[in-house]
Amino acid sequence: MENGMELQQEVYYVLRTQIQFGVYRFGERLPTIEDAARLFMVSVKTIRAAYRQLQREGYITISKSVGVKVSVSYSGQDSEACIRKFFAGRKDALMDLGQSIQPLFSNAQWLGFKHASPELLDQVEQLSASNESMRPYVMIQQLQAIYGNLGNDMLNRLVWKTLMFFLTPFLSVSGNLNLLNQNQNPLLQMITLCREQNWTALRASVEAFQGQKEIALRQFYENGVRLPASDQQAVFSWSPYKKASQICYSLSMELLVEMSQGVYPTDSLLPSLNTLAREKHISLNTARRAIALLNDIGAAKSVNGVGTKVLPPEQITENCDFSQPSVHKRLLTHVKSVHILTLSCRQVAEATLSSIDQKTAEKWKAGIIICAQQQRHELVPYTIIERISQDSPLATVRMVYTELFRLLLWGYPLRGLLEDRQKYTAVYIPYFQPILDCLERRDVEGFSANLEAMMQHEIRLIVKRLIGLGLEEAAGLVLDE
């Protein structure tokens, strides 16, 4: 899970919201620091910092003898007003997120359940025995266990952020659990289907569960929150990096994107360290680390007395220092992003292609044809991913896919490791005409199935290359057979 100030703030906001909503009332105890760390699946240090912030603002008192107790009193009317204000200020983001959950996560959740061991299923089942007041935390633990089974901590961070922004506050409102669960706990039904190995019914159950979240949210707004959306709307955001404080990664990626777009063409010089530090409002050391990473990855080369020169794409592999831990981390970031895209692309593409007009579809077609003209058929799936990041009708999908698409640039050094480029490209050629035909006749399912098949080929090739470099962590990513 992530660390740092951003994570502390997430926990703080959830706990403050639950106090305001009346989950924890005046004089009642909050979980101990150790229990809260377990429930939120974060470090003790993070919980301690969040509790101290709540204490400074007068929401709680902390003592060794009594523990953590609520020190503010909200009447039923006060809590109702807080709930209305909170959800009015998040209406746009939550409604969009509610529609995005099914295409982004359904396949991953299905695969996580499908590959769950009997011991993991027992663990998830036992968590359901917790009392109802703990349900928001229990669902975090249950879903994190299932998604965590796929071996992708980046995916887990995205799921955790989604749960904290949407499901935890939603389930903290009295009665909302019934909107979501209906007659029984859907996760228990999924466990039963796993034990029966009824994968078709499991997929239907998972998709129904994901869709029910949007339905429950819509019902809540229609029946409970009658206020119109606030003018100042909260925005859902997510960073793929473990630590928001690691600005050097973000800066390196920003420069990589600009290099790929020709802002800094081959053989040109990147801005000096002093210029980067001044323009980006960062320390000189952060700028230095960002440039060092670009050197290690092989995208640039610093020369004393000259500056940092942008290298040609075809020279990146030979200049990449594959022995550097920083390079290993970025290559793993690359494969984890491809993993998330592979798991979600089919349903996301279906939702996006169903929404675009003919003019936009022609742009998709043009981009695909360019790949063929350049004899780079392997770039077709990435071209489609880029179009989705721009054309999806859902802001959450656009944001997530934009972040993931940017991370693909970290994998550029791997392309030079191909033993036979023609053989590699040939794998994708059979998909070219079918995917164009599907696009032409708006066969949404056929188009999306072909995209997923190409991404399945790509993720397997990347994992194989990373294992060849000694990055065994890549072998832990679970793929659909």
Protein backbone atom coordinates (compact mmCIF):
# COMPACT_ATOMS: atom_id res chain seq x y z
CA MET A 1 0.00 0.00 0.00
CA GLU A 2 1.09 3.60 -0.52
CA ASN A 3 2.88 5.63 2.11
CA GLY A 4 3.29 9.28 2.91
CA MET A 5 1.16 12.35 3.40
CA GLU A 6 -1.39 11.46 0.70
CA LEU A 7 -2.26 8.15 2.39
CA GLN A 8 -2.46 9.77 5.81
CA GLN A 9 -4.92 12.32 4.43
CA GLU A 10 -7.09 9.59 2.89
CA VAL A 11 -7.41 7.82 6.25
CA TYR A 12 -7.99 11.13 8.05
CA TYR A 13 -10.81 12.14 5.70
CA VAL A 14 -12.55 8.76 6.05
CA LEU A 15 -12.40 8.81 9.85
CA ARG A 16 -13.52 12.45 10.02
CA THR A 17 -16.39 11.65 7.68
CA GLN A 18 -17.46 8.67 9.80
CA ILE A 19 -17.49 10.84 12.93
CA GLN A 20 -19.59 13.45 11.12
CA PHE A 21 -21.94 10.77 9.74
CA GLY A 22 -22.50 9.35 13.23
CA VAL A 23 -20.71 6.03 12.74
CA TYR A 24 -18.67 7.02 15.80
CA ARG A 25 -20.63 9.18 18.29
CA PHE A 26 -19.57 11.45 21.12
CA GLY A 27 -17.71 9.49 23.81
CA GLU A 28 -17.39 6.32 21.71
CA ARG A 29 -14.04 4.72 21.10
CA LEU A 30 -12.39 4.51 17.71
CA PRO A 31 -10.30 1.42 16.92
CA THR A 32 -6.88 1.31 18.56
CA ILE A 33 -4.01 2.48 16.38
CA GLU A 34 -2.98 -1.15 15.80
CA ASP A 35 -6.53 -2.27 14.96
CA ALA A 36 -7.07 0.72 12.64
CA ALA A 37 -3.83 -0.09 10.81
CA ARG A 38 -5.12 -3.63 10.25
CA LEU A 39 -8.58 -2.47 9.18
CA PHE A 40 -7.30 0.16 6.73
CA MET A 41 -4.41 -2.09 5.64
CA VAL A 42 -1.85 0.67 6.23
CA SER A 43 1.08 1.20 8.58
CA VAL A 44 0.78 2.11 12.27
CA LYS A 45 2.73 5.26 11.44
CA THR A 46 0.07 6.35 8.94
CA ILE A 47 -2.79 5.78 11.41
CA ARG A 48 -0.93 7.58 14.18
CA ALA A 49 -0.45 10.62 11.93
CA ALA A 50 -4.14 10.61 10.91
CA TYR A 51 -5.25 10.33 14.55
CA ARG A 52 -2.99 13.20 15.56
CA GLN A 53 -4.53 15.39 12.88
CA LEU A 54 -8.01 14.52 14.14
CA GLN A 55 -6.85 15.30 17.68
CA ARG A 56 -5.42 18.69 16.68
CA GLU A 57 -8.73 19.62 15.04
CA GLY A 58 -10.72 18.61 18.13
CA TYR A 59 -12.49 15.52 16.76
CA ILE A 60 -10.91 13.01 19.14
CA THR A 61 -8.94 12.70 22.36
CA ILE A 62 -6.10 10.22 22.78
CA SER A 63 -4.93 8.84 26.10
CA LYS A 64 -3.06 5.72 27.18
CA SER A 65 -5.65 4.80 29.80
CA VAL A 66 -8.85 5.35 27.76
CA GLY A 67 -7.69 5.08 24.16
CA VAL A 68 -9.08 7.08 21.23
CA LYS A 69 -12.49 8.65 21.90
CA VAL A 70 -14.75 10.99 19.92
CA SER A 71 -14.81 14.45 21.51
CA VAL A 72 -17.38 16.19 19.29
CA SER A 73 -21.15 15.77 19.34
CA TYR A 74 -23.30 15.63 16.21
CA SER A 75 -27.06 15.41 16.50
CA GLY A 76 -29.06 13.32 14.06
CA GLN A 77 -29.86 16.50 12.15
CA ASP A 78 -26.20 17.54 12.12
CA SER A 79 -25.12 14.17 10.74
CA GLU A 80 -27.85 14.25 8.09
CA ALA A 81 -26.66 17.71 7.00
CA CYS A 82 -23.04 16.46 6.83
CA ILE A 83 -24.09 13.48 4.71
CA ARG A 84 -26.05 15.68 2.32
CA LYS A 85 -23.21 18.18 1.97
CA PHE A 86 -20.57 15.46 1.51
CA PHE A 87 -22.40 13.60 -1.24
CA ALA A 88 -23.59 16.78 -2.96
CA GLY A 89 -19.93 17.80 -3.27
CA ARG A 90 -18.93 14.44 -4.77
CA LYS A 91 -21.95 13.73 -6.94
CA ASP A 92 -20.28 14.15 -10.35
CA ALA A 93 -17.17 12.17 -9.38
CA LEU A 94 -19.10 9.39 -7.64
CA MET A 95 -21.64 8.93 -10.42
CA ASP A 96 -18.80 8.69 -12.95
CA LEU A 97 -16.80 6.36 -10.71
CA GLY A 98 -19.88 4.20 -10.16
CA GLN A 99 -20.17 3.64 -13.91
CA SER A 100 -16.41 3.03 -14.27
CA ILE A 101 -16.04 0.30 -11.65
CA GLN A 102 -17.62 -2.47 -13.73
CA PRO A 103 -15.45 -2.08 -16.88
CA LEU A 104 -12.28 -1.35 -14.92
CA PHE A 105 -12.43 -4.07 -12.29
CA SER A 106 -14.91 -6.86 -13.11
CA ASN A 107 -12.48 -9.08 -15.00
CA ALA A 108 -9.73 -8.57 -12.42
CA GLN A 109 -12.05 -9.47 -9.55
CA TRP A 110 -13.28 -12.56 -11.40
CA LEU A 111 -9.70 -13.69 -12.06
CA GLY A 112 -8.69 -12.98 -8.46
CA PHE A 113 -11.50 -15.21 -7.21
CA LYS A 114 -10.82 -17.87 -9.84
CA HIS A 115 -7.18 -18.22 -8.74
CA ALA A 116 -7.87 -17.97 -5.00
CA SER A 117 -6.59 -20.83 -2.87
CA PRO A 118 -8.98 -22.65 -0.49
CA GLU A 119 -7.15 -20.94 2.38
CA LEU A 120 -7.74 -17.48 0.88
CA LEU A 121 -11.43 -18.24 0.32
CA ASP A 122 -11.70 -19.34 3.96
CA GLN A 123 -10.03 -16.09 5.07
CA VAL A 124 -12.41 -13.93 3.02
CA GLU A 125 -15.39 -15.92 4.28
CA GLN A 126 -14.34 -15.55 7.93
CA LEU A 127 -14.10 -11.78 7.57
CA SER A 128 -17.82 -11.68 6.78
CA ALA A 129 -18.59 -12.66 10.35
CA SER A 130 -17.54 -9.18 11.58
CA ASN A 131 -20.24 -6.92 13.00
CA GLU A 132 -22.08 -4.55 10.66
CA SER A 133 -20.40 -1.37 11.97
CA MET A 134 -17.12 -2.71 10.59
CA ARG A 135 -18.54 -3.52 7.15
CA PRO A 136 -16.75 -0.73 5.25
CA TYR A 137 -13.41 -1.91 6.59
CA VAL A 138 -14.26 -5.58 6.14
CA MET A 139 -15.12 -5.07 2.48
CA ILE A 140 -11.79 -3.26 2.00
CA GLN A 141 -9.98 -6.26 3.48
CA GLN A 142 -11.99 -8.81 1.49
CA LEU A 143 -11.58 -7.09 -1.87
CA GLN A 144 -7.92 -6.25 -1.27
CA ALA A 145 -7.29 -9.93 -0.52
CA ILE A 146 -8.96 -11.00 -3.78
CA TYR A 147 -7.31 -8.37 -5.99
CA GLY A 148 -4.00 -8.86 -4.17
CA ASN A 149 -4.11 -12.48 -5.30
CA LEU A 150 -3.24 -11.23 -8.82
CA GLY A 151 0.26 -10.15 -7.73
CA ASN A 152 -0.06 -6.51 -8.86
CA ASP A 153 0.41 -3.97 -6.07
CA MET A 154 -0.33 -1.11 -8.48
CA LEU A 155 -3.77 -2.58 -9.14
CA ASN A 156 -4.26 -2.96 -5.40
CA ARG A 157 -3.48 0.72 -4.84
CA LEU A 158 -6.04 1.68 -7.48
CA VAL A 159 -8.68 -0.55 -5.90
CA TRP A 160 -7.87 0.79 -2.41
CA LYS A 161 -8.17 4.39 -3.58
CA THR A 162 -11.52 3.60 -5.23
CA LEU A 163 -12.83 1.95 -2.07
CA MET A 164 -11.73 4.85 0.11
CA PHE A 165 -13.26 7.47 -2.18
CA PHE A 166 -16.53 5.69 -2.90
CA LEU A 167 -17.42 2.54 -1.00
CA THR A 168 -16.19 3.41 2.50
CA PRO A 169 -18.11 6.69 2.85
CA PHE A 170 -21.11 5.20 1.03
CA LEU A 171 -21.32 2.24 3.43
CA SER A 172 -20.82 4.60 6.38
CA VAL A 173 -24.36 5.91 5.81
CA SER A 174 -26.92 3.90 7.77
CA GLY A 175 -29.00 1.67 5.50
CA ASN A 176 -26.74 1.81 2.45
CA LEU A 177 -25.36 -1.67 3.06
CA ASN A 178 -28.84 -3.03 2.33
CA LEU A 179 -28.86 -1.21 -1.02
CA LEU A 180 -25.66 -3.00 -1.96
CA ASN A 181 -26.18 -6.46 -0.51
CA GLN A 182 -29.87 -6.96 -1.30
CA ASN A 183 -30.73 -10.45 0.04
CA GLN A 184 -27.27 -11.79 0.90
CA ASN A 185 -23.59 -10.94 0.95
CA PRO A 186 -22.58 -11.27 -2.73
CA LEU A 187 -18.97 -12.09 -1.82
CA LEU A 188 -20.15 -15.22 0.03
CA GLN A 189 -22.02 -16.29 -3.11
CA MET A 190 -18.81 -15.83 -5.14
CA ILE A 191 -16.88 -17.99 -2.68
CA THR A 192 -19.45 -20.77 -3.10
CA LEU A 193 -19.16 -20.57 -6.90
CA CYS A 194 -15.36 -20.73 -6.63
CA ARG A 195 -15.54 -23.89 -4.56
CA GLU A 196 -17.89 -25.35 -7.17
CA GLN A 197 -15.51 -24.13 -9.92
CA ASN A 198 -18.50 -22.64 -11.73
CA TRP A 199 -16.52 -19.92 -13.50
CA THR A 200 -19.31 -18.82 -15.83
CA ALA A 201 -21.71 -18.20 -12.96
CA LEU A 202 -18.87 -16.56 -11.01
CA ARG A 203 -18.31 -14.04 -13.81
CA ALA A 204 -22.02 -13.22 -13.91
CA SER A 205 -22.05 -12.82 -10.11
CA VAL A 206 -19.02 -10.50 -10.15
CA GLU A 207 -20.46 -8.33 -12.92
CA ALA A 208 -23.80 -8.11 -11.12
CA PHE A 209 -22.00 -7.08 -7.91
CA GLN A 210 -20.02 -4.37 -9.70
CA GLY A 211 -23.13 -3.12 -11.47
CA GLN A 212 -25.09 -3.10 -8.22
CA LYS A 213 -22.70 -0.49 -6.81
CA GLU A 214 -23.75 1.96 -9.52
CA ILE A 215 -27.44 1.09 -9.04
CA ALA A 216 -27.19 1.51 -5.26
CA LEU A 217 -25.43 4.86 -5.65
CA ARG A 218 -28.07 6.08 -8.08
CA GLN A 219 -30.87 5.01 -5.75
CA PHE A 220 -29.16 6.78 -2.87
CA TYR A 221 -28.98 10.06 -4.78
CA GLU A 222 -32.56 9.74 -5.98
CA ASN A 223 -34.01 8.92 -2.57
CA GLY A 224 -31.59 10.29 -0.01
CA VAL A 225 -29.58 13.25 -1.28
CA ARG A 226 -31.98 15.66 -2.88
CA LEU A 227 -29.52 18.53 -3.04
CA PRO A 228 -28.21 19.36 -6.52
CA ALA A 229 -24.52 18.82 -7.17
CA SER A 230 -22.36 21.43 -5.47
CA ASP A 231 -20.54 23.99 -7.61
CA GLN A 232 -17.28 22.90 -5.97
CA GLN A 233 -17.01 19.24 -6.86
CA ALA A 234 -14.39 16.88 -5.46
CA VAL A 235 -12.35 15.08 -8.14
CA PHE A 236 -11.27 11.44 -8.05
CA SER A 237 -7.56 11.05 -8.76
CA TRP A 238 -4.98 8.29 -8.48
CA SER A 239 -1.20 8.08 -8.69
CA PRO A 240 0.34 4.81 -9.88
CA TYR A 241 3.44 5.40 -7.77
CA LYS A 242 3.81 4.06 -4.25
CA LYS A 243 4.91 7.38 -2.84
CA ALA A 244 3.52 10.71 -3.99
CA SER A 245 6.72 12.24 -2.56
CA GLN A 246 8.83 10.57 -5.26
CA ILE A 247 8.54 13.56 -7.55
CA CYS A 248 11.60 12.51 -9.54
CA TYR A 249 9.60 9.66 -11.15
CA SER A 250 6.84 12.02 -12.21
CA LEU A 251 9.36 14.52 -13.58
CA SER A 252 11.25 11.80 -15.46
CA MET A 253 7.98 10.60 -16.96
CA GLU A 254 6.97 14.14 -17.91
CA LEU A 255 10.29 14.59 -19.74
CA LEU A 256 9.94 11.18 -21.40
CA VAL A 257 6.51 12.11 -22.71
CA GLU A 258 7.83 15.41 -24.05
CA MET A 259 10.74 13.59 -25.71
CA SER A 260 8.32 11.14 -27.38
CA GLN A 261 6.16 14.05 -28.56
CA GLY A 262 9.15 15.87 -30.08
CA VAL A 263 9.23 18.75 -27.59
CA TYR A 264 12.82 17.63 -27.00
CA PRO A 265 13.82 15.95 -30.29
CA THR A 266 16.68 13.51 -30.74
CA ASP A 267 20.14 15.07 -30.13
CA SER A 268 18.67 18.16 -28.48
CA LEU A 269 19.56 19.08 -24.90
CA LEU A 270 17.20 18.81 -21.95
CA PRO A 271 16.89 21.84 -19.64
CA SER A 272 19.71 22.22 -17.12
CA LEU A 273 19.29 21.04 -13.53
CA ASN A 274 18.98 24.62 -12.32
CA THR A 275 16.33 25.40 -14.94
CA LEU A 276 14.32 22.28 -14.10
CA ALA A 277 14.50 23.01 -10.38
CA ARG A 278 13.36 26.60 -10.90
CA GLU A 279 10.59 25.92 -13.43
CA LYS A 280 9.18 22.81 -11.72
CA HIS A 281 9.52 24.25 -8.20
CA ILE A 282 11.54 21.30 -6.98
CA SER A 283 14.87 20.84 -5.26
CA LEU A 284 18.10 20.58 -7.21
CA ASN A 285 18.56 17.06 -5.83
CA THR A 286 15.15 15.97 -7.17
CA ALA A 287 16.00 17.33 -10.62
CA ARG A 288 19.35 15.52 -10.48
CA ARG A 289 17.68 12.21 -9.60
CA ALA A 290 15.16 12.61 -12.43
CA ILE A 291 17.92 13.16 -15.01
CA ALA A 292 19.94 10.27 -13.57
CA LEU A 293 16.95 7.98 -14.10
CA LEU A 294 16.62 9.06 -17.74
CA ASN A 295 20.33 8.26 -18.16
CA ASP A 296 19.94 4.85 -16.53
CA ILE A 297 16.90 3.96 -18.63
CA GLY A 298 18.85 4.86 -21.79
CA ALA A 299 16.67 7.73 -23.00
CA ALA A 300 19.30 10.42 -22.43
CA LYS A 301 23.02 10.84 -21.82
CA SER A 302 24.63 13.52 -19.68
CA VAL A 303 27.99 14.87 -20.82
CA ASN A 304 30.10 17.05 -18.53
CA GLY A 305 30.30 20.61 -19.79
CA VAL A 306 27.69 19.99 -22.48
CA GLY A 307 24.41 18.96 -20.81
CA THR A 308 21.97 16.07 -21.15
CA LYS A 309 21.36 14.96 -24.73
CA VAL A 310 18.24 13.15 -25.93
CA LEU A 311 19.21 9.80 -27.49
CA PRO A 312 17.56 8.24 -30.57
CA PRO A 313 14.89 5.61 -29.72
CA GLU A 314 16.91 2.88 -31.45
CA GLN A 315 19.84 3.52 -29.05
CA ILE A 316 17.82 3.35 -25.82
CA THR A 317 18.32 -0.40 -25.23
CA GLU A 318 22.10 -0.33 -25.71
CA ASN A 319 22.41 2.67 -23.39
CA CYS A 320 20.07 1.29 -20.72
CA ASP A 321 21.83 0.11 -17.56
CA PHE A 322 19.76 -2.99 -16.82
CA SER A 323 21.77 -3.61 -13.64
CA GLN A 324 20.39 -0.53 -11.87
CA PRO A 325 17.67 -1.12 -9.23
CA SER A 326 15.96 2.09 -10.39
CA VAL A 327 15.65 0.61 -13.90
CA HIS A 328 14.27 -2.65 -12.47
CA LYS A 329 11.58 -0.71 -10.61
CA ARG A 330 10.53 1.20 -13.70
CA LEU A 331 10.40 -1.95 -15.85
CA LEU A 332 8.19 -3.57 -13.21
CA THR A 333 6.03 -0.44 -13.21
CA HIS A 334 5.71 -0.89 -16.98
CA VAL A 335 4.61 -4.53 -16.83
CA LYS A 336 2.14 -3.84 -14.00
CA SER A 337 0.52 -1.10 -16.06
CA VAL A 338 0.25 -3.45 -19.06
CA HIS A 339 -1.25 -6.06 -16.71
CA ILE A 340 -4.01 -3.69 -15.58
CA LEU A 341 -4.70 -2.69 -19.17
CA THR A 342 -4.87 -6.34 -20.24
CA LEU A 343 -7.30 -7.20 -17.45
CA SER A 344 -9.63 -4.29 -18.19
CA CYS A 345 -9.26 -3.46 -21.90
CA ARG A 346 -12.04 -5.69 -23.21
CA GLN A 347 -14.86 -4.20 -21.17
CA VAL A 348 -13.42 -0.69 -21.27
CA ALA A 349 -13.15 -0.87 -25.07
CA GLU A 350 -16.73 -2.12 -25.35
CA ALA A 351 -18.03 0.79 -23.27
CA THR A 352 -15.93 3.33 -25.18
CA LEU A 353 -16.55 2.08 -28.71
CA SER A 354 -20.29 1.96 -28.03
CA SER A 355 -20.23 5.68 -27.20
CA ILE A 356 -18.13 7.24 -29.98
CA ASP A 357 -19.47 8.79 -33.18
CA GLN A 358 -18.42 7.96 -36.73
CA LYS A 359 -15.91 10.81 -36.94
CA THR A 360 -14.10 9.56 -33.85
CA ALA A 361 -14.22 5.97 -35.13
CA GLU A 362 -12.45 7.16 -38.30
CA LYS A 363 -9.65 8.56 -36.13
CA TRP A 364 -9.30 5.17 -34.48
CA LYS A 365 -9.14 3.54 -37.91
CA ALA A 366 -6.51 6.02 -39.15
CA GLY A 367 -4.27 5.37 -36.17
CA ILE A 368 -4.49 1.61 -36.66
CA ILE A 369 -3.68 1.90 -40.38
CA ILE A 370 -0.60 4.04 -39.64
CA CYS A 371 0.78 1.19 -37.48
CA ALA A 372 0.46 -1.17 -40.45
CA GLN A 373 2.01 1.31 -42.88
CA GLN A 374 5.02 1.58 -40.58
CA GLN A 375 5.07 -2.22 -40.25
CA ARG A 376 4.59 -1.86 -36.50
CA HIS A 377 1.51 -4.00 -36.03
CA GLU A 378 2.53 -4.63 -32.40
CA LEU A 379 1.66 -0.99 -31.68
CA VAL A 380 -2.00 -1.44 -32.66
CA PRO A 381 -3.19 -2.32 -29.12
CA TYR A 382 -1.29 0.64 -27.64
CA THR A 383 -2.75 2.95 -30.28
CA ILE A 384 -6.24 1.81 -29.25
CA ILE A 385 -5.40 2.24 -25.55
CA GLU A 386 -4.33 5.82 -26.27
CA ARG A 387 -7.59 6.50 -28.11
CA ILE A 388 -9.57 5.10 -25.17
CA SER A 389 -7.68 7.41 -22.78
CA GLN A 390 -8.94 10.34 -24.86
CA ASP A 391 -12.39 9.21 -26.00
CA SER A 392 -13.93 7.24 -23.13
CA PRO A 393 -17.18 8.88 -21.99
CA LEU A 394 -16.12 8.25 -18.37
CA ALA A 395 -13.71 10.69 -16.70
CA THR A 396 -12.41 7.99 -14.32
CA VAL A 397 -11.50 5.68 -17.19
CA ARG A 398 -9.81 8.52 -19.06
CA MET A 399 -7.76 9.44 -15.99
CA VAL A 400 -6.72 5.85 -15.18
CA TYR A 401 -5.92 4.96 -18.79
CA THR A 402 -3.94 8.18 -19.28
CA GLU A 403 -1.80 7.35 -16.25
CA LEU A 404 -1.30 3.76 -17.39
CA PHE A 405 -0.54 4.78 -20.98
CA ARG A 406 2.20 7.15 -19.82
CA LEU A 407 3.83 4.34 -17.87
CA LEU A 408 4.21 2.29 -21.06
CA LEU A 409 7.17 4.51 -21.96
CA TRP A 410 9.24 2.92 -19.18
CA GLY A 411 9.23 -0.29 -21.21
CA TYR A 412 10.96 1.14 -24.28
CA PRO A 413 14.37 -0.46 -23.47
CA LEU A 414 12.73 -3.90 -23.70
CA ARG A 415 11.99 -3.52 -27.41
CA GLY A 416 15.68 -3.70 -28.28
CA LEU A 417 15.94 -7.07 -26.54
CA LEU A 418 13.80 -8.79 -29.18
CA GLU A 419 15.67 -11.65 -30.80
CA ASP A 420 13.57 -11.53 -33.96
CA ARG A 421 11.54 -8.36 -34.53
CA GLN A 422 9.82 -9.79 -37.62
CA LYS A 423 8.68 -12.84 -35.66
CA TYR A 424 7.44 -10.57 -32.88
CA THR A 425 5.49 -8.35 -35.28
CA ALA A 426 4.07 -11.38 -37.12
CA VAL A 427 2.14 -12.37 -33.98
CA TYR A 428 0.00 -9.24 -34.32
CA ILE A 429 -0.53 -9.18 -38.09
CA PRO A 430 -3.44 -11.70 -38.08
CA TYR A 431 -5.40 -9.35 -35.82
CA PHE A 432 -5.00 -6.31 -38.06
CA GLN A 433 -7.73 -6.86 -40.66
CA PRO A 434 -10.27 -8.40 -38.23
CA ILE A 435 -9.96 -5.48 -35.87
CA LEU A 436 -10.38 -3.00 -38.74
CA ASP A 437 -13.41 -4.94 -40.02
CA CYS A 438 -14.97 -4.98 -36.55
CA LEU A 439 -14.40 -1.25 -36.23
CA GLU A 440 -15.93 -0.62 -39.66
CA ARG A 441 -19.15 -2.49 -38.91
CA ARG A 442 -19.19 -1.45 -35.22
CA ASP A 443 -18.85 -5.01 -33.96
CA VAL A 444 -18.08 -3.89 -30.43
CA GLU A 445 -17.66 -7.37 -28.96
CA GLY A 446 -15.45 -8.64 -31.79
CA PHE A 447 -13.25 -5.54 -31.71
CA SER A 448 -12.79 -5.73 -27.94
CA ALA A 449 -12.06 -9.46 -27.98
CA ASN A 450 -9.30 -8.94 -30.56
CA LEU A 451 -7.83 -6.11 -28.52
CA GLU A 452 -7.76 -8.30 -25.41
CA ALA A 453 -6.10 -11.14 -27.34
CA MET A 454 -3.34 -8.81 -28.55
CA MET A 455 -2.77 -7.47 -25.05
CA GLN A 456 -2.59 -11.07 -23.75
CA HIS A 457 0.21 -11.75 -26.23
CA GLU A 458 1.98 -8.55 -25.22
CA ILE A 459 1.89 -9.11 -21.45
CA ARG A 460 3.24 -12.65 -21.84
CA LEU A 461 6.14 -11.47 -24.00
CA ILE A 462 7.00 -8.70 -21.53
CA VAL A 463 6.90 -11.06 -18.56
CA LYS A 464 9.18 -13.49 -20.40
CA ARG A 465 11.70 -10.73 -21.15
CA LEU A 466 11.69 -9.47 -17.56
CA ILE A 467 12.22 -12.97 -16.17
CA GLY A 468 15.15 -13.23 -18.59
CA LEU A 469 16.57 -10.10 -16.93
CA GLY A 470 16.22 -11.71 -13.52
CA LEU A 471 13.10 -9.79 -12.47
CA GLU A 472 11.26 -12.77 -11.02
CA GLU A 473 8.56 -10.51 -9.51
CA ALA A 474 7.05 -10.29 -13.00
CA ALA A 475 6.33 -14.03 -12.87
CA GLY A 476 3.93 -13.38 -9.98
CA LEU A 477 1.43 -11.54 -12.17
CA VAL A 478 -1.63 -13.75 -12.67
CA LEU A 479 -2.93 -13.95 -16.24
CA ASP A 480 -6.09 -15.46 -17.66
CA GLU A 481 -5.21 -18.72 -19.38
